[in-house]
Amino acid sequence: PLLRNAQWVEVVGRDAIYKEFIFKDFNQAFGFMSRVALQAEKMDHHPEWFNVYNKVQITLSTHDCGGLSQRDITLATFIDQASLM
């Protein structure tokens, strides 16, 4: 419910969540991805993502448990905060 309010959606057919972020330009998108990458590395929990120009699409899932975990929720919360920087 918390992530639903933040516009994360469940991925059909797998235990994962997805969200698309749109920025002003590529530099803002890349800066966002850099912030997320540093945090993901600290957490040893890496997103599946795709970037074209100002759009970044992110899918989160925990492969070790075969679905969603608290690590996904924690990273999603950080990602939402990083998108506002």
PDB file of N, CA and C in Angstrom:
ATOM      1  N   PRO A   1       0.811  -1.214   0.000  1.00  0.00           N
ATOM      2  CA  PRO A   1       0.000   0.000   0.000  1.00  0.00           C
ATOM      3  C   PRO A   1       0.852   1.274   0.000  1.00  0.00           C
ATOM      4  N   LEU A   2       1.936   1.276   0.776  1.00  0.00           N
ATOM      5  CA  LEU A   2       2.800   2.454   0.847  1.00  0.00           C
ATOM      6  C   LEU A   2       3.366   2.787  -0.530  1.00  0.00           C
ATOM      7  N   LEU A   3       3.845   1.779  -1.238  1.00  0.00           N
ATOM      8  CA  LEU A   3       4.440   2.023  -2.549  1.00  0.00           C
ATOM      9  C   LEU A   3       3.386   2.308  -3.610  1.00  0.00           C
ATOM     10  N   ARG A   4       2.188   1.779  -3.426  1.00  0.00           N
ATOM     11  CA  ARG A   4       1.117   2.073  -4.377  1.00  0.00           C
ATOM     12  C   ARG A   4       0.824   3.572  -4.382  1.00  0.00           C
ATOM     13  N   ASN A   5       0.857   4.163  -3.197  1.00  0.00           N
ATOM     14  CA  ASN A   5       0.647   5.608  -3.092  1.00  0.00           C
ATOM     15  C   ASN A   5       1.767   6.372  -3.793  1.00  0.00           C
ATOM     16  N   ALA A   6       2.939   5.760  -3.896  1.00  0.00           N
ATOM     17  CA  ALA A   6       4.083   6.385  -4.556  1.00  0.00           C
ATOM     18  C   ALA A   6       4.140   6.010  -6.037  1.00  0.00           C
ATOM     19  N   GLN A   7       3.081   5.383  -6.529  1.00  0.00           N
ATOM     20  CA  GLN A   7       2.916   5.037  -7.942  1.00  0.00           C
ATOM     21  C   GLN A   7       3.813   3.898  -8.421  1.00  0.00           C
ATOM     22  N   TRP A   8       4.306   3.074  -7.512  1.00  0.00           N
ATOM     23  CA  TRP A   8       4.955   1.833  -7.913  1.00  0.00           C
ATOM     24  C   TRP A   8       3.833   0.850  -8.230  1.00  0.00           C
ATOM     25  N   VAL A   9       3.992   0.070  -9.282  1.00  0.00           N
ATOM     26  CA  VAL A   9       2.957  -0.885  -9.667  1.00  0.00           C
ATOM     27  C   VAL A   9       3.543  -2.292  -9.689  1.00  0.00           C
ATOM     28  N   GLU A  10       2.678  -3.266  -9.445  1.00  0.00           N
ATOM     29  CA  GLU A  10       3.106  -4.661  -9.504  1.00  0.00           C
ATOM     30  C   GLU A  10       3.295  -5.070 -10.956  1.00  0.00           C
ATOM     31  N   VAL A  11       4.345  -5.840 -11.206  1.00  0.00           N
ATOM     32  CA  VAL A  11       4.617  -6.347 -12.550  1.00  0.00           C
ATOM     33  C   VAL A  11       3.790  -7.612 -12.754  1.00  0.00           C
ATOM     34  N   VAL A  12       3.014  -7.641 -13.818  1.00  0.00           N
ATOM     35  CA  VAL A  12       2.169  -8.796 -14.110  1.00  0.00           C
ATOM     36  C   VAL A  12       3.047 -10.005 -14.423  1.00  0.00           C
ATOM     37  N   GLY A  13       2.758 -11.117 -13.766  1.00  0.00           N
ATOM     38  CA  GLY A  13       3.457 -12.357 -14.057  1.00  0.00           C
ATOM     39  C   GLY A  13       4.722 -12.606 -13.265  1.00  0.00           C
ATOM     40  N   ARG A  14       5.084 -11.667 -12.386  1.00  0.00           N
ATOM     41  CA  ARG A  14       6.250 -11.909 -11.527  1.00  0.00           C
ATOM     42  C   ARG A  14       6.139 -11.074 -10.262  1.00  0.00           C
ATOM     43  N   ASP A  15       6.851 -11.482  -9.244  1.00  0.00           N
ATOM     44  CA  ASP A  15       6.850 -10.749  -7.979  1.00  0.00           C
ATOM     45  C   ASP A  15       7.872  -9.621  -8.067  1.00  0.00           C
ATOM     46  N   ALA A  16       7.433  -8.503  -8.596  1.00  0.00           N
ATOM     47  CA  ALA A  16       8.309  -7.353  -8.786  1.00  0.00           C
ATOM     48  C   ALA A  16       7.449  -6.095  -8.823  1.00  0.00           C
ATOM     49  N   ILE A  17       8.103  -4.952  -8.621  1.00  0.00           N
ATOM     50  CA  ILE A  17       7.434  -3.663  -8.728  1.00  0.00           C
ATOM     51  C   ILE A  17       8.162  -2.811  -9.761  1.00  0.00           C
ATOM     52  N   TYR A  18       7.413  -1.873 -10.364  1.00  0.00           N
ATOM     53  CA  TYR A  18       7.924  -1.087 -11.487  1.00  0.00           C
ATOM     54  C   TYR A  18       7.479   0.365 -11.358  1.00  0.00           C
ATOM     55  N   LYS A  19       8.358   1.259 -11.812  1.00  0.00           N
ATOM     56  CA  LYS A  19       7.989   2.672 -11.879  1.00  0.00           C
ATOM     57  C   LYS A  19       8.832   3.356 -12.950  1.00  0.00           C
ATOM     58  N   GLU A  20       8.217   4.312 -13.638  1.00  0.00           N
ATOM     59  CA  GLU A  20       8.940   5.109 -14.629  1.00  0.00           C
ATOM     60  C   GLU A  20       9.114   6.526 -14.099  1.00  0.00           C
ATOM     61  N   PHE A  21      10.321   7.041 -14.256  1.00  0.00           N
ATOM     62  CA  PHE A  21      10.643   8.403 -13.842  1.00  0.00           C
ATOM     63  C   PHE A  21      10.976   9.220 -15.084  1.00  0.00           C
ATOM     64  N   ILE A  22      10.485  10.450 -15.134  1.00  0.00           N
ATOM     65  CA  ILE A  22      10.759  11.336 -16.263  1.00  0.00           C
ATOM     66  C   ILE A  22      11.398  12.614 -15.721  1.00  0.00           C
ATOM     67  N   PHE A  23      12.538  12.960 -16.306  1.00  0.00           N
ATOM     68  CA  PHE A  23      13.303  14.118 -15.866  1.00  0.00           C
ATOM     69  C   PHE A  23      13.333  15.184 -16.959  1.00  0.00           C
ATOM     70  N   LYS A  24      13.889  16.331 -16.624  1.00  0.00           N
ATOM     71  CA  LYS A  24      13.961  17.449 -17.569  1.00  0.00           C
ATOM     72  C   LYS A  24      14.811  17.089 -18.791  1.00  0.00           C
ATOM     73  N   ASP A  25      15.932  16.397 -18.548  1.00  0.00           N
ATOM     74  CA  ASP A  25      16.842  16.070 -19.642  1.00  0.00           C
ATOM     75  C   ASP A  25      17.708  14.872 -19.247  1.00  0.00           C
ATOM     76  N   PHE A  26      18.605  14.495 -20.137  1.00  0.00           N
ATOM     77  CA  PHE A  26      19.464  13.341 -19.893  1.00  0.00           C
ATOM     78  C   PHE A  26      20.367  13.551 -18.684  1.00  0.00           C
ATOM     79  N   ASN A  27      20.914  14.756 -18.515  1.00  0.00           N
ATOM     80  CA  ASN A  27      21.804  15.006 -17.380  1.00  0.00           C
ATOM     81  C   ASN A  27      21.104  14.762 -16.052  1.00  0.00           C
ATOM     82  N   GLN A  28      19.861  15.191 -15.925  1.00  0.00           N
ATOM     83  CA  GLN A  28      19.119  14.943 -14.684  1.00  0.00           C
ATOM     84  C   GLN A  28      18.848  13.457 -14.504  1.00  0.00           C
ATOM     85  N   ALA A  29      18.497  12.776 -15.584  1.00  0.00           N
ATOM     86  CA  ALA A  29      18.240  11.337 -15.503  1.00  0.00           C
ATOM     87  C   ALA A  29      19.507  10.597 -15.093  1.00  0.00           C
ATOM     88  N   PHE A  30      20.636  10.966 -15.685  1.00  0.00           N
ATOM     89  CA  PHE A  30      21.893  10.291 -15.378  1.00  0.00           C
ATOM     90  C   PHE A  30      22.338  10.577 -13.947  1.00  0.00           C
ATOM     91  N   GLY A  31      22.151  11.809 -13.482  1.00  0.00           N
ATOM     92  CA  GLY A  31      22.475  12.140 -12.098  1.00  0.00           C
ATOM     93  C   GLY A  31      21.652  11.301 -11.127  1.00  0.00           C
ATOM     94  N   PHE A  32      20.371  11.161 -11.424  1.00  0.00           N
ATOM     95  CA  PHE A  32      19.480  10.319 -10.622  1.00  0.00           C
ATOM     96  C   PHE A  32      19.987   8.878 -10.605  1.00  0.00           C
ATOM     97  N   MET A  33      20.320   8.348 -11.770  1.00  0.00           N
ATOM     98  CA  MET A  33      20.805   6.968 -11.845  1.00  0.00           C
ATOM     99  C   MET A  33      22.104   6.801 -11.058  1.00  0.00           C
ATOM    100  N   SER A  34      22.952   7.801 -11.071  1.00  0.00           N
ATOM    101  CA  SER A  34      24.206   7.735 -10.314  1.00  0.00           C
ATOM    102  C   SER A  34      23.936   7.679  -8.817  1.00  0.00           C
ATOM    103  N   ARG A  35      23.000   8.505  -8.340  1.00  0.00           N
ATOM    104  CA  ARG A  35      22.654   8.486  -6.913  1.00  0.00           C
ATOM    105  C   ARG A  35      22.090   7.126  -6.513  1.00  0.00           C
ATOM    106  N   VAL A  36      21.211   6.595  -7.346  1.00  0.00           N
ATOM    107  CA  VAL A  36      20.612   5.286  -7.060  1.00  0.00           C
ATOM    108  C   VAL A  36      21.678   4.196  -7.106  1.00  0.00           C
ATOM    109  N   ALA A  37      22.582   4.269  -8.075  1.00  0.00           N
ATOM    110  CA  ALA A  37      23.629   3.247  -8.205  1.00  0.00           C
ATOM    111  C   ALA A  37      24.507   3.194  -6.960  1.00  0.00           C
ATOM    112  N   LEU A  38      24.865   4.343  -6.412  1.00  0.00           N
ATOM    113  CA  LEU A  38      25.698   4.366  -5.205  1.00  0.00           C
ATOM    114  C   LEU A  38      24.982   3.715  -4.027  1.00  0.00           C
ATOM    115  N   GLN A  39      23.705   4.028  -3.861  1.00  0.00           N
ATOM    116  CA  GLN A  39      22.928   3.428  -2.768  1.00  0.00           C
ATOM    117  C   GLN A  39      22.724   1.935  -2.999  1.00  0.00           C
ATOM    118  N   ALA A  40      22.428   1.552  -4.225  1.00  0.00           N
ATOM    119  CA  ALA A  40      22.217   0.136  -4.544  1.00  0.00           C
ATOM    120  C   ALA A  40      23.478  -0.669  -4.245  1.00  0.00           C
ATOM    121  N   GLU A  41      24.630  -0.103  -4.560  1.00  0.00           N
ATOM    122  CA  GLU A  41      25.901  -0.784  -4.292  1.00  0.00           C
ATOM    123  C   GLU A  41      26.106  -0.946  -2.787  1.00  0.00           C
ATOM    124  N   LYS A  42      25.798   0.093  -2.015  1.00  0.00           N
ATOM    125  CA  LYS A  42      25.907   0.005  -0.548  1.00  0.00           C
ATOM    126  C   LYS A  42      25.008  -1.095  -0.002  1.00  0.00           C
ATOM    127  N   MET A  43      23.818  -1.215  -0.588  1.00  0.00           N
ATOM    128  CA  MET A  43      22.848  -2.214  -0.129  1.00  0.00           C
ATOM    129  C   MET A  43      23.115  -3.594  -0.722  1.00  0.00           C
ATOM    130  N   ASP A  44      23.996  -3.668  -1.725  1.00  0.00           N
ATOM    131  CA  ASP A  44      24.222  -4.895  -2.493  1.00  0.00           C
ATOM    132  C   ASP A  44      22.886  -5.414  -3.029  1.00  0.00           C
ATOM    133  N   HIS A  45      22.116  -4.472  -3.574  1.00  0.00           N
ATOM    134  CA  HIS A  45      20.784  -4.786  -4.104  1.00  0.00           C
ATOM    135  C   HIS A  45      20.563  -3.915  -5.333  1.00  0.00           C
ATOM    136  N   HIS A  46      20.590  -4.525  -6.500  1.00  0.00           N
ATOM    137  CA  HIS A  46      20.673  -3.760  -7.741  1.00  0.00           C
ATOM    138  C   HIS A  46      19.379  -3.811  -8.543  1.00  0.00           C
ATOM    139  N   PRO A  47      18.932  -2.661  -9.026  1.00  0.00           N
ATOM    140  CA  PRO A  47      17.692  -2.610  -9.806  1.00  0.00           C
ATOM    141  C   PRO A  47      17.901  -3.115 -11.231  1.00  0.00           C
ATOM    142  N   GLU A  48      16.807  -3.521 -11.834  1.00  0.00           N
ATOM    143  CA  GLU A  48      16.782  -3.713 -13.286  1.00  0.00           C
ATOM    144  C   GLU A  48      16.305  -2.363 -13.809  1.00  0.00           C
ATOM    145  N   TRP A  49      17.056  -1.773 -14.728  1.00  0.00           N
ATOM    146  CA  TRP A  49      16.614  -0.484 -15.219  1.00  0.00           C
ATOM    147  C   TRP A  49      16.971  -0.264 -16.670  1.00  0.00           C
ATOM    148  N   PHE A  50      16.267   0.703 -17.253  1.00  0.00           N
ATOM    149  CA  PHE A  50      16.410   1.024 -18.662  1.00  0.00           C
ATOM    150  C   PHE A  50      16.288   2.534 -18.797  1.00  0.00           C
ATOM    151  N   ASN A  51      17.211   3.129 -19.550  1.00  0.00           N
ATOM    152  CA  ASN A  51      17.223   4.587 -19.695  1.00  0.00           C
ATOM    153  C   ASN A  51      17.281   4.978 -21.163  1.00  0.00           C
ATOM    154  N   VAL A  52      16.401   5.877 -21.559  1.00  0.00           N
ATOM    155  CA  VAL A  52      16.477   6.543 -22.854  1.00  0.00           C
ATOM    156  C   VAL A  52      16.242   8.028 -22.602  1.00  0.00           C
ATOM    157  N   TYR A  53      17.230   8.830 -22.955  1.00  0.00           N
ATOM    158  CA  TYR A  53      17.217  10.279 -22.793  1.00  0.00           C
ATOM    159  C   TYR A  53      16.783  10.689 -21.382  1.00  0.00           C
ATOM    160  N   ASN A  54      15.559  11.189 -21.204  1.00  0.00           N
ATOM    161  CA  ASN A  54      15.150  11.706 -19.892  1.00  0.00           C
ATOM    162  C   ASN A  54      14.275  10.730 -19.107  1.00  0.00           C
ATOM    163  N   LYS A  55      14.097   9.520 -19.616  1.00  0.00           N
ATOM    164  CA  LYS A  55      13.245   8.532 -18.946  1.00  0.00           C
ATOM    165  C   LYS A  55      14.081   7.404 -18.348  1.00  0.00           C
ATOM    166  N   VAL A  56      13.704   7.016 -17.130  1.00  0.00           N
ATOM    167  CA  VAL A  56      14.346   5.881 -16.461  1.00  0.00           C
ATOM    168  C   VAL A  56      13.239   4.956 -15.978  1.00  0.00           C
ATOM    169  N   GLN A  57      13.265   3.720 -16.436  1.00  0.00           N
ATOM    170  CA  GLN A  57      12.293   2.708 -16.020  1.00  0.00           C
ATOM    171  C   GLN A  57      13.005   1.749 -15.071  1.00  0.00           C
ATOM    172  N   ILE A  58      12.397   1.509 -13.913  1.00  0.00           N
ATOM    173  CA  ILE A  58      13.034   0.688 -12.883  1.00  0.00           C
ATOM    174  C   ILE A  58      12.107  -0.435 -12.455  1.00  0.00           C
ATOM    175  N   THR A  59      12.671  -1.639 -12.376  1.00  0.00           N
ATOM    176  CA  THR A  59      11.978  -2.802 -11.830  1.00  0.00           C
ATOM    177  C   THR A  59      12.794  -3.318 -10.657  1.00  0.00           C
ATOM    178  N   LEU A  60      12.105  -3.593  -9.550  1.00  0.00           N
ATOM    179  CA  LEU A  60      12.762  -4.125  -8.359  1.00  0.00           C
ATOM    180  C   LEU A  60      12.184  -5.485  -8.003  1.00  0.00           C
ATOM    181  N   SER A  61      13.075  -6.411  -7.674  1.00  0.00           N
ATOM    182  CA  SER A  61      12.706  -7.746  -7.223  1.00  0.00           C
ATOM    183  C   SER A  61      13.930  -8.323  -6.526  1.00  0.00           C
ATOM    184  N   THR A  62      13.718  -9.262  -5.623  1.00  0.00           N
ATOM    185  CA  THR A  62      14.839  -9.888  -4.931  1.00  0.00           C
ATOM    186  C   THR A  62      14.998 -11.307  -5.441  1.00  0.00           C
ATOM    187  N   HIS A  63      16.062 -11.538  -6.180  1.00  0.00           N
ATOM    188  CA  HIS A  63      16.281 -12.846  -6.798  1.00  0.00           C
ATOM    189  C   HIS A  63      16.497 -13.939  -5.750  1.00  0.00           C
ATOM    190  N   ASP A  64      17.162 -13.596  -4.638  1.00  0.00           N
ATOM    191  CA  ASP A  64      17.457 -14.593  -3.601  1.00  0.00           C
ATOM    192  C   ASP A  64      16.197 -15.230  -3.030  1.00  0.00           C
ATOM    193  N   CYS A  65      15.141 -14.438  -2.884  1.00  0.00           N
ATOM    194  CA  CYS A  65      13.907 -14.978  -2.301  1.00  0.00           C
ATOM    195  C   CYS A  65      12.840 -15.230  -3.362  1.00  0.00           C
ATOM    196  N   GLY A  66      13.165 -14.934  -4.612  1.00  0.00           N
ATOM    197  CA  GLY A  66      12.226 -15.194  -5.697  1.00  0.00           C
ATOM    198  C   GLY A  66      11.013 -14.285  -5.701  1.00  0.00           C
ATOM    199  N   GLY A  67      11.166 -13.079  -5.193  1.00  0.00           N
ATOM    200  CA  GLY A  67      10.037 -12.154  -5.167  1.00  0.00           C
ATOM    201  C   GLY A  67      10.415 -10.844  -4.515  1.00  0.00           C
ATOM    202  N   LEU A  68       9.438 -10.205  -3.907  1.00  0.00           N
ATOM    203  CA  LEU A  68       9.678  -8.933  -3.234  1.00  0.00           C
ATOM    204  C   LEU A  68      10.175  -9.155  -1.818  1.00  0.00           C
ATOM    205  N   SER A  69      11.029  -8.247  -1.365  1.00  0.00           N
ATOM    206  CA  SER A  69      11.529  -8.310   0.004  1.00  0.00           C
ATOM    207  C   SER A  69      11.570  -6.897   0.580  1.00  0.00           C
ATOM    208  N   GLN A  70      11.902  -6.814   1.840  1.00  0.00           N
ATOM    209  CA  GLN A  70      12.034  -5.509   2.486  1.00  0.00           C
ATOM    210  C   GLN A  70      13.117  -4.682   1.801  1.00  0.00           C
ATOM    211  N   ARG A  71      14.118  -5.341   1.240  1.00  0.00           N
ATOM    212  CA  ARG A  71      15.182  -4.620   0.532  1.00  0.00           C
ATOM    213  C   ARG A  71      14.611  -3.851  -0.670  1.00  0.00           C
ATOM    214  N   ASP A  72      13.622  -4.441  -1.338  1.00  0.00           N
ATOM    215  CA  ASP A  72      12.988  -3.752  -2.467  1.00  0.00           C
ATOM    216  C   ASP A  72      12.244  -2.508  -1.991  1.00  0.00           C
ATOM    217  N   ILE A  73      11.547  -2.646  -0.884  1.00  0.00           N
ATOM    218  CA  ILE A  73      10.785  -1.518  -0.333  1.00  0.00           C
ATOM    219  C   ILE A  73      11.739  -0.400   0.090  1.00  0.00           C
ATOM    220  N   THR A  74      12.825  -0.777   0.764  1.00  0.00           N
ATOM    221  CA  THR A  74      13.812   0.203   1.215  1.00  0.00           C
ATOM    222  C   THR A  74      14.440   0.924   0.029  1.00  0.00           C
ATOM    223  N   LEU A  75      14.827   0.168  -1.003  1.00  0.00           N
ATOM    224  CA  LEU A  75      15.438   0.794  -2.173  1.00  0.00           C
ATOM    225  C   LEU A  75      14.421   1.649  -2.928  1.00  0.00           C
ATOM    226  N   ALA A  76      13.191   1.192  -3.042  1.00  0.00           N
ATOM    227  CA  ALA A  76      12.154   1.977  -3.725  1.00  0.00           C
ATOM    228  C   ALA A  76      11.937   3.313  -3.018  1.00  0.00           C
ATOM    229  N   THR A  77      11.945   3.292  -1.703  1.00  0.00           N
ATOM    230  CA  THR A  77      11.782   4.524  -0.927  1.00  0.00           C
ATOM    231  C   THR A  77      12.940   5.478  -1.194  1.00  0.00           C
ATOM    232  N   PHE A  78      14.167   4.927  -1.215  1.00  0.00           N
ATOM    233  CA  PHE A  78      15.330   5.758  -1.529  1.00  0.00           C
ATOM    234  C   PHE A  78      15.226   6.321  -2.947  1.00  0.00           C
ATOM    235  N   ILE A  79      14.829   5.487  -3.890  1.00  0.00           N
ATOM    236  CA  ILE A  79      14.712   5.907  -5.290  1.00  0.00           C
ATOM    237  C   ILE A  79      13.734   7.073  -5.417  1.00  0.00           C
ATOM    238  N   ASP A  80      12.605   6.973  -4.734  1.00  0.00           N
ATOM    239  CA  ASP A  80      11.630   8.071  -4.772  1.00  0.00           C
ATOM    240  C   ASP A  80      12.242   9.365  -4.236  1.00  0.00           C
ATOM    241  N   GLN A  81      12.990   9.263  -3.136  1.00  0.00           N
ATOM    242  CA  GLN A  81      13.635  10.451  -2.564  1.00  0.00           C
ATOM    243  C   GLN A  81      14.692  11.003  -3.516  1.00  0.00           C
ATOM    244  N   ALA A  82      15.476  10.107  -4.123  1.00  0.00           N
ATOM    245  CA  ALA A  82      16.545  10.526  -5.042  1.00  0.00           C
ATOM    246  C   ALA A  82      15.979  11.213  -6.279  1.00  0.00           C
ATOM    247  N   SER A  83      14.772  10.852  -6.661  1.00  0.00           N
ATOM    248  CA  SER A  83      14.172  11.456  -7.859  1.00  0.00           C
ATOM    249  C   SER A  83      13.804  12.921  -7.633  1.00  0.00           C
ATOM    250  N   LEU A  84      13.737  13.332  -6.380  1.00  0.00           N
ATOM    251  CA  LEU A  84      13.357  14.709  -6.047  1.00  0.00           C
ATOM    252  C   LEU A  84      14.557  15.623  -5.843  1.00  0.00           C
ATOM    253  N   MET A  85      15.760  15.054  -5.856  1.00  0.00           N
ATOM    254  CA  MET A  85      16.977  15.843  -5.596  1.00  0.00           C
ATOM    255  C   MET A  85      17.364  16.674  -6.801  1.00  0.00           C
TER     256      MET A  85
END
